[in-house]
Amino acid sequence: MQTRTARAVVSTQAVQKFYALATRRLGMARDVAGRIVRSLLNVPLVVVDADSILTALAMEERYRISFWDALIVAAAEAAGAQVLYTEDLNDGQQYGQW
């Protein structure tokens, strides 16, 4: 999904990761995590597709980051994001077209 006018977007991968970590690692009740997921699904979604995966493969090698982090970067780039908020990458680092 190209959504260049949205103020925020979220990738399908980020939603899935949130639910898995919230319920498994943080011990959050499934119904609570489910409500948060339902709220996240109201934000414009960037669907991880074949192009995202191929882009992530290239970014993984180019930037020497994990495939999963590269997939988040690829989704942000596909959405035209100017800023990416994640705990997994270096603050201020520039990736892709940024």
N, C-alpha and C. Protein backbone atom coordinates (compact mmCIF):
# COMPACT_ATOMS: atom_id res chain seq x y z
N MET A 1 0.85 -1.18 0.00
CA MET A 1 0.00 0.00 0.00
C MET A 1 0.89 1.23 0.00
N GLN A 2 0.73 2.06 -0.97
CA GLN A 2 1.42 3.34 -1.01
C GLN A 2 0.51 4.36 -0.34
N THR A 3 0.96 4.95 0.73
CA THR A 3 0.12 5.88 1.47
C THR A 3 0.93 7.11 1.86
N ARG A 4 1.22 7.92 0.89
CA ARG A 4 2.12 9.06 1.08
C ARG A 4 1.46 10.24 1.80
N THR A 5 0.16 10.20 2.03
CA THR A 5 -0.50 11.30 2.71
C THR A 5 -0.79 10.99 4.17
N ALA A 6 -0.60 9.77 4.59
CA ALA A 6 -0.86 9.41 5.99
C ALA A 6 0.22 9.97 6.89
N ARG A 7 -0.15 10.32 8.10
CA ARG A 7 0.83 10.81 9.08
C ARG A 7 1.59 9.66 9.70
N ALA A 8 0.97 8.50 9.75
CA ALA A 8 1.62 7.31 10.32
C ALA A 8 1.13 6.09 9.56
N VAL A 9 2.00 5.12 9.46
CA VAL A 9 1.64 3.83 8.88
C VAL A 9 2.25 2.74 9.75
N VAL A 10 1.77 1.54 9.60
CA VAL A 10 2.32 0.41 10.33
C VAL A 10 2.36 -0.78 9.38
N SER A 11 3.42 -1.55 9.46
CA SER A 11 3.51 -2.72 8.58
C SER A 11 2.79 -3.90 9.22
N THR A 12 2.34 -4.80 8.37
CA THR A 12 1.69 -6.00 8.88
C THR A 12 2.65 -6.78 9.76
N GLN A 13 3.93 -6.77 9.43
CA GLN A 13 4.94 -7.44 10.24
C GLN A 13 5.00 -6.85 11.64
N ALA A 14 4.95 -5.52 11.75
CA ALA A 14 5.03 -4.87 13.06
C ALA A 14 3.82 -5.22 13.93
N VAL A 15 2.65 -5.31 13.32
CA VAL A 15 1.45 -5.69 14.07
C VAL A 15 1.59 -7.12 14.59
N GLN A 16 2.05 -8.01 13.73
CA GLN A 16 2.23 -9.41 14.13
C GLN A 16 3.26 -9.53 15.24
N LYS A 17 4.37 -8.82 15.10
CA LYS A 17 5.44 -8.87 16.09
C LYS A 17 4.95 -8.33 17.43
N PHE A 18 4.18 -7.24 17.40
CA PHE A 18 3.65 -6.69 18.63
C PHE A 18 2.82 -7.74 19.37
N TYR A 19 1.90 -8.37 18.68
CA TYR A 19 1.01 -9.34 19.32
C TYR A 19 1.82 -10.50 19.92
N ALA A 20 2.75 -11.03 19.14
CA ALA A 20 3.55 -12.16 19.62
C ALA A 20 4.36 -11.78 20.85
N LEU A 21 5.03 -10.63 20.82
CA LEU A 21 5.85 -10.22 21.96
C LEU A 21 5.00 -9.83 23.17
N ALA A 22 3.89 -9.16 22.92
CA ALA A 22 3.04 -8.73 24.03
C ALA A 22 2.48 -9.92 24.79
N THR A 23 2.05 -10.93 24.07
CA THR A 23 1.43 -12.07 24.73
C THR A 23 2.45 -13.08 25.26
N ARG A 24 3.56 -13.24 24.56
CA ARG A 24 4.55 -14.24 24.99
C ARG A 24 5.55 -13.68 25.98
N ARG A 25 6.20 -12.60 25.62
CA ARG A 25 7.27 -12.06 26.46
C ARG A 25 6.77 -11.18 27.60
N LEU A 26 5.79 -10.35 27.28
CA LEU A 26 5.29 -9.41 28.28
C LEU A 26 4.18 -9.98 29.14
N GLY A 27 3.62 -11.12 28.72
CA GLY A 27 2.55 -11.75 29.48
C GLY A 27 1.24 -10.99 29.43
N MET A 28 1.07 -10.15 28.42
CA MET A 28 -0.17 -9.40 28.28
C MET A 28 -1.31 -10.37 27.95
N ALA A 29 -2.46 -10.14 28.53
CA ALA A 29 -3.63 -10.97 28.23
C ALA A 29 -3.96 -10.88 26.74
N ARG A 30 -4.34 -12.00 26.16
CA ARG A 30 -4.64 -12.03 24.72
C ARG A 30 -5.75 -11.07 24.33
N ASP A 31 -6.75 -10.93 25.19
CA ASP A 31 -7.84 -10.01 24.83
C ASP A 31 -7.36 -8.56 24.83
N VAL A 32 -6.47 -8.21 25.74
CA VAL A 32 -5.92 -6.85 25.77
C VAL A 32 -5.05 -6.61 24.54
N ALA A 33 -4.15 -7.56 24.27
CA ALA A 33 -3.29 -7.44 23.09
C ALA A 33 -4.14 -7.41 21.82
N GLY A 34 -5.19 -8.19 21.79
CA GLY A 34 -6.09 -8.21 20.63
C GLY A 34 -6.76 -6.86 20.40
N ARG A 35 -7.16 -6.20 21.48
CA ARG A 35 -7.77 -4.86 21.34
C ARG A 35 -6.77 -3.87 20.78
N ILE A 36 -5.52 -3.96 21.23
CA ILE A 36 -4.49 -3.07 20.71
C ILE A 36 -4.24 -3.36 19.23
N VAL A 37 -4.19 -4.63 18.88
CA VAL A 37 -4.01 -5.00 17.47
C VAL A 37 -5.15 -4.45 16.63
N ARG A 38 -6.37 -4.58 17.11
CA ARG A 38 -7.52 -4.04 16.36
C ARG A 38 -7.38 -2.53 16.15
N SER A 39 -6.86 -1.83 17.15
CA SER A 39 -6.62 -0.39 17.00
C SER A 39 -5.53 -0.12 15.97
N LEU A 40 -4.46 -0.91 16.01
CA LEU A 40 -3.39 -0.73 15.04
C LEU A 40 -3.87 -0.96 13.61
N LEU A 41 -4.84 -1.84 13.45
CA LEU A 41 -5.35 -2.13 12.12
C LEU A 41 -6.16 -0.98 11.54
N ASN A 42 -6.46 0.03 12.36
CA ASN A 42 -7.12 1.24 11.86
C ASN A 42 -6.14 2.24 11.27
N VAL A 43 -4.85 2.04 11.54
CA VAL A 43 -3.79 2.87 10.97
C VAL A 43 -3.53 2.32 9.56
N PRO A 44 -3.22 3.17 8.58
CA PRO A 44 -2.91 2.64 7.25
C PRO A 44 -1.83 1.55 7.32
N LEU A 45 -2.13 0.41 6.71
CA LEU A 45 -1.22 -0.73 6.74
C LEU A 45 -0.34 -0.80 5.51
N VAL A 46 0.90 -1.17 5.74
CA VAL A 46 1.80 -1.51 4.65
C VAL A 46 1.90 -3.03 4.66
N VAL A 47 1.36 -3.65 3.65
CA VAL A 47 1.33 -5.10 3.58
C VAL A 47 2.68 -5.60 3.07
N VAL A 48 3.26 -6.51 3.81
CA VAL A 48 4.51 -7.13 3.39
C VAL A 48 4.18 -8.08 2.24
N ASP A 49 4.75 -7.79 1.08
CA ASP A 49 4.48 -8.60 -0.12
C ASP A 49 5.80 -9.07 -0.73
N ALA A 50 5.72 -9.67 -1.89
CA ALA A 50 6.92 -10.20 -2.55
C ALA A 50 7.96 -9.12 -2.80
N ASP A 51 7.54 -7.95 -3.26
CA ASP A 51 8.49 -6.86 -3.50
C ASP A 51 9.18 -6.42 -2.21
N SER A 52 8.43 -6.38 -1.12
CA SER A 52 9.02 -6.01 0.17
C SER A 52 10.09 -7.01 0.58
N ILE A 53 9.81 -8.27 0.37
CA ILE A 53 10.77 -9.31 0.74
C ILE A 53 12.04 -9.21 -0.09
N LEU A 54 11.89 -8.98 -1.39
CA LEU A 54 13.06 -8.85 -2.26
C LEU A 54 13.88 -7.62 -1.89
N THR A 55 13.21 -6.52 -1.58
CA THR A 55 13.90 -5.31 -1.15
C THR A 55 14.63 -5.56 0.16
N ALA A 56 13.98 -6.26 1.07
CA ALA A 56 14.60 -6.56 2.36
C ALA A 56 15.84 -7.42 2.20
N LEU A 57 15.81 -8.37 1.28
CA LEU A 57 16.99 -9.20 1.04
C LEU A 57 18.18 -8.35 0.63
N ALA A 58 17.93 -7.39 -0.25
CA ALA A 58 19.00 -6.50 -0.70
C ALA A 58 19.47 -5.58 0.43
N MET A 59 18.53 -5.05 1.22
CA MET A 59 18.90 -4.16 2.33
C MET A 59 19.67 -4.90 3.42
N GLU A 60 19.29 -6.14 3.65
CA GLU A 60 20.00 -6.94 4.65
C GLU A 60 21.49 -7.02 4.31
N GLU A 61 21.76 -7.30 3.06
CA GLU A 61 23.15 -7.41 2.63
C GLU A 61 23.85 -6.06 2.60
N ARG A 62 23.16 -5.06 2.05
CA ARG A 62 23.79 -3.73 1.91
C ARG A 62 24.12 -3.09 3.24
N TYR A 63 23.17 -3.15 4.19
CA TYR A 63 23.33 -2.44 5.46
C TYR A 63 23.80 -3.34 6.61
N ARG A 64 23.92 -4.64 6.33
CA ARG A 64 24.35 -5.61 7.36
C ARG A 64 23.44 -5.55 8.59
N ILE A 65 22.14 -5.59 8.31
CA ILE A 65 21.13 -5.64 9.38
C ILE A 65 20.37 -6.95 9.23
N SER A 66 19.61 -7.30 10.24
CA SER A 66 18.86 -8.56 10.17
C SER A 66 17.80 -8.47 9.07
N PHE A 67 17.41 -9.61 8.58
CA PHE A 67 16.35 -9.66 7.56
C PHE A 67 15.08 -9.01 8.09
N TRP A 68 14.72 -9.29 9.35
CA TRP A 68 13.48 -8.76 9.91
C TRP A 68 13.53 -7.24 10.03
N ASP A 69 14.68 -6.70 10.41
CA ASP A 69 14.83 -5.24 10.45
C ASP A 69 14.78 -4.66 9.04
N ALA A 70 15.40 -5.34 8.10
CA ALA A 70 15.38 -4.89 6.71
C ALA A 70 13.96 -4.88 6.16
N LEU A 71 13.15 -5.83 6.59
CA LEU A 71 11.76 -5.88 6.15
C LEU A 71 10.97 -4.69 6.67
N ILE A 72 11.26 -4.27 7.89
CA ILE A 72 10.61 -3.07 8.45
C ILE A 72 11.04 -1.83 7.68
N VAL A 73 12.33 -1.74 7.36
CA VAL A 73 12.83 -0.61 6.58
C VAL A 73 12.21 -0.60 5.19
N ALA A 74 12.10 -1.77 4.57
CA ALA A 74 11.51 -1.87 3.23
C ALA A 74 10.05 -1.42 3.24
N ALA A 75 9.31 -1.79 4.28
CA ALA A 75 7.91 -1.39 4.39
C ALA A 75 7.80 0.12 4.57
N ALA A 76 8.67 0.69 5.40
CA ALA A 76 8.66 2.15 5.60
C ALA A 76 8.98 2.87 4.30
N GLU A 77 9.96 2.37 3.58
CA GLU A 77 10.33 2.98 2.30
C GLU A 77 9.18 2.88 1.30
N ALA A 78 8.52 1.73 1.25
CA ALA A 78 7.39 1.54 0.33
C ALA A 78 6.26 2.52 0.64
N ALA A 79 6.10 2.86 1.91
CA ALA A 79 5.05 3.79 2.31
C ALA A 79 5.45 5.24 2.12
N GLY A 80 6.72 5.47 1.79
CA GLY A 80 7.19 6.85 1.63
C GLY A 80 7.44 7.55 2.95
N ALA A 81 7.67 6.76 4.00
CA ALA A 81 7.90 7.34 5.33
C ALA A 81 9.18 8.17 5.34
N GLN A 82 9.14 9.26 6.06
CA GLN A 82 10.32 10.11 6.23
C GLN A 82 11.06 9.76 7.50
N VAL A 83 10.34 9.19 8.46
CA VAL A 83 10.92 8.82 9.75
C VAL A 83 10.43 7.41 10.09
N LEU A 84 11.33 6.61 10.62
CA LEU A 84 10.99 5.25 11.04
C LEU A 84 11.30 5.13 12.53
N TYR A 85 10.29 4.77 13.31
CA TYR A 85 10.49 4.56 14.74
C TYR A 85 10.58 3.07 15.00
N THR A 86 11.71 2.65 15.53
CA THR A 86 11.92 1.25 15.88
C THR A 86 12.99 1.17 16.95
N GLU A 87 12.89 0.17 17.78
CA GLU A 87 13.90 -0.01 18.82
C GLU A 87 15.10 -0.81 18.32
N ASP A 88 14.98 -1.36 17.13
CA ASP A 88 15.95 -2.33 16.66
C ASP A 88 17.11 -1.77 15.85
N LEU A 89 17.03 -0.52 15.42
CA LEU A 89 18.08 0.03 14.56
C LEU A 89 18.77 1.21 15.23
N ASN A 90 19.88 1.63 14.67
CA ASN A 90 20.66 2.73 15.24
C ASN A 90 19.96 4.07 15.05
N ASP A 91 19.92 4.85 16.10
CA ASP A 91 19.33 6.19 16.05
C ASP A 91 20.09 7.05 15.05
N GLY A 92 19.35 7.70 14.16
CA GLY A 92 19.94 8.61 13.20
C GLY A 92 20.49 7.95 11.94
N GLN A 93 20.52 6.64 11.93
CA GLN A 93 21.02 5.91 10.74
C GLN A 93 20.08 6.15 9.57
N GLN A 94 20.64 6.27 8.39
CA GLN A 94 19.83 6.44 7.19
C GLN A 94 19.90 5.18 6.33
N TYR A 95 18.75 4.76 5.85
CA TYR A 95 18.64 3.56 5.04
C TYR A 95 17.85 3.90 3.78
N GLY A 96 18.05 3.13 2.75
CA GLY A 96 17.24 3.27 1.54
C GLY A 96 17.33 4.65 0.94
N GLN A 97 16.20 5.19 0.57
CA GLN A 97 16.12 6.47 -0.12
C GLN A 97 16.27 7.67 0.80
N TRP A 98 16.37 7.43 2.10
CA TRP A 98 16.44 8.58 3.03
C TRP A 98 17.81 9.16 3.07
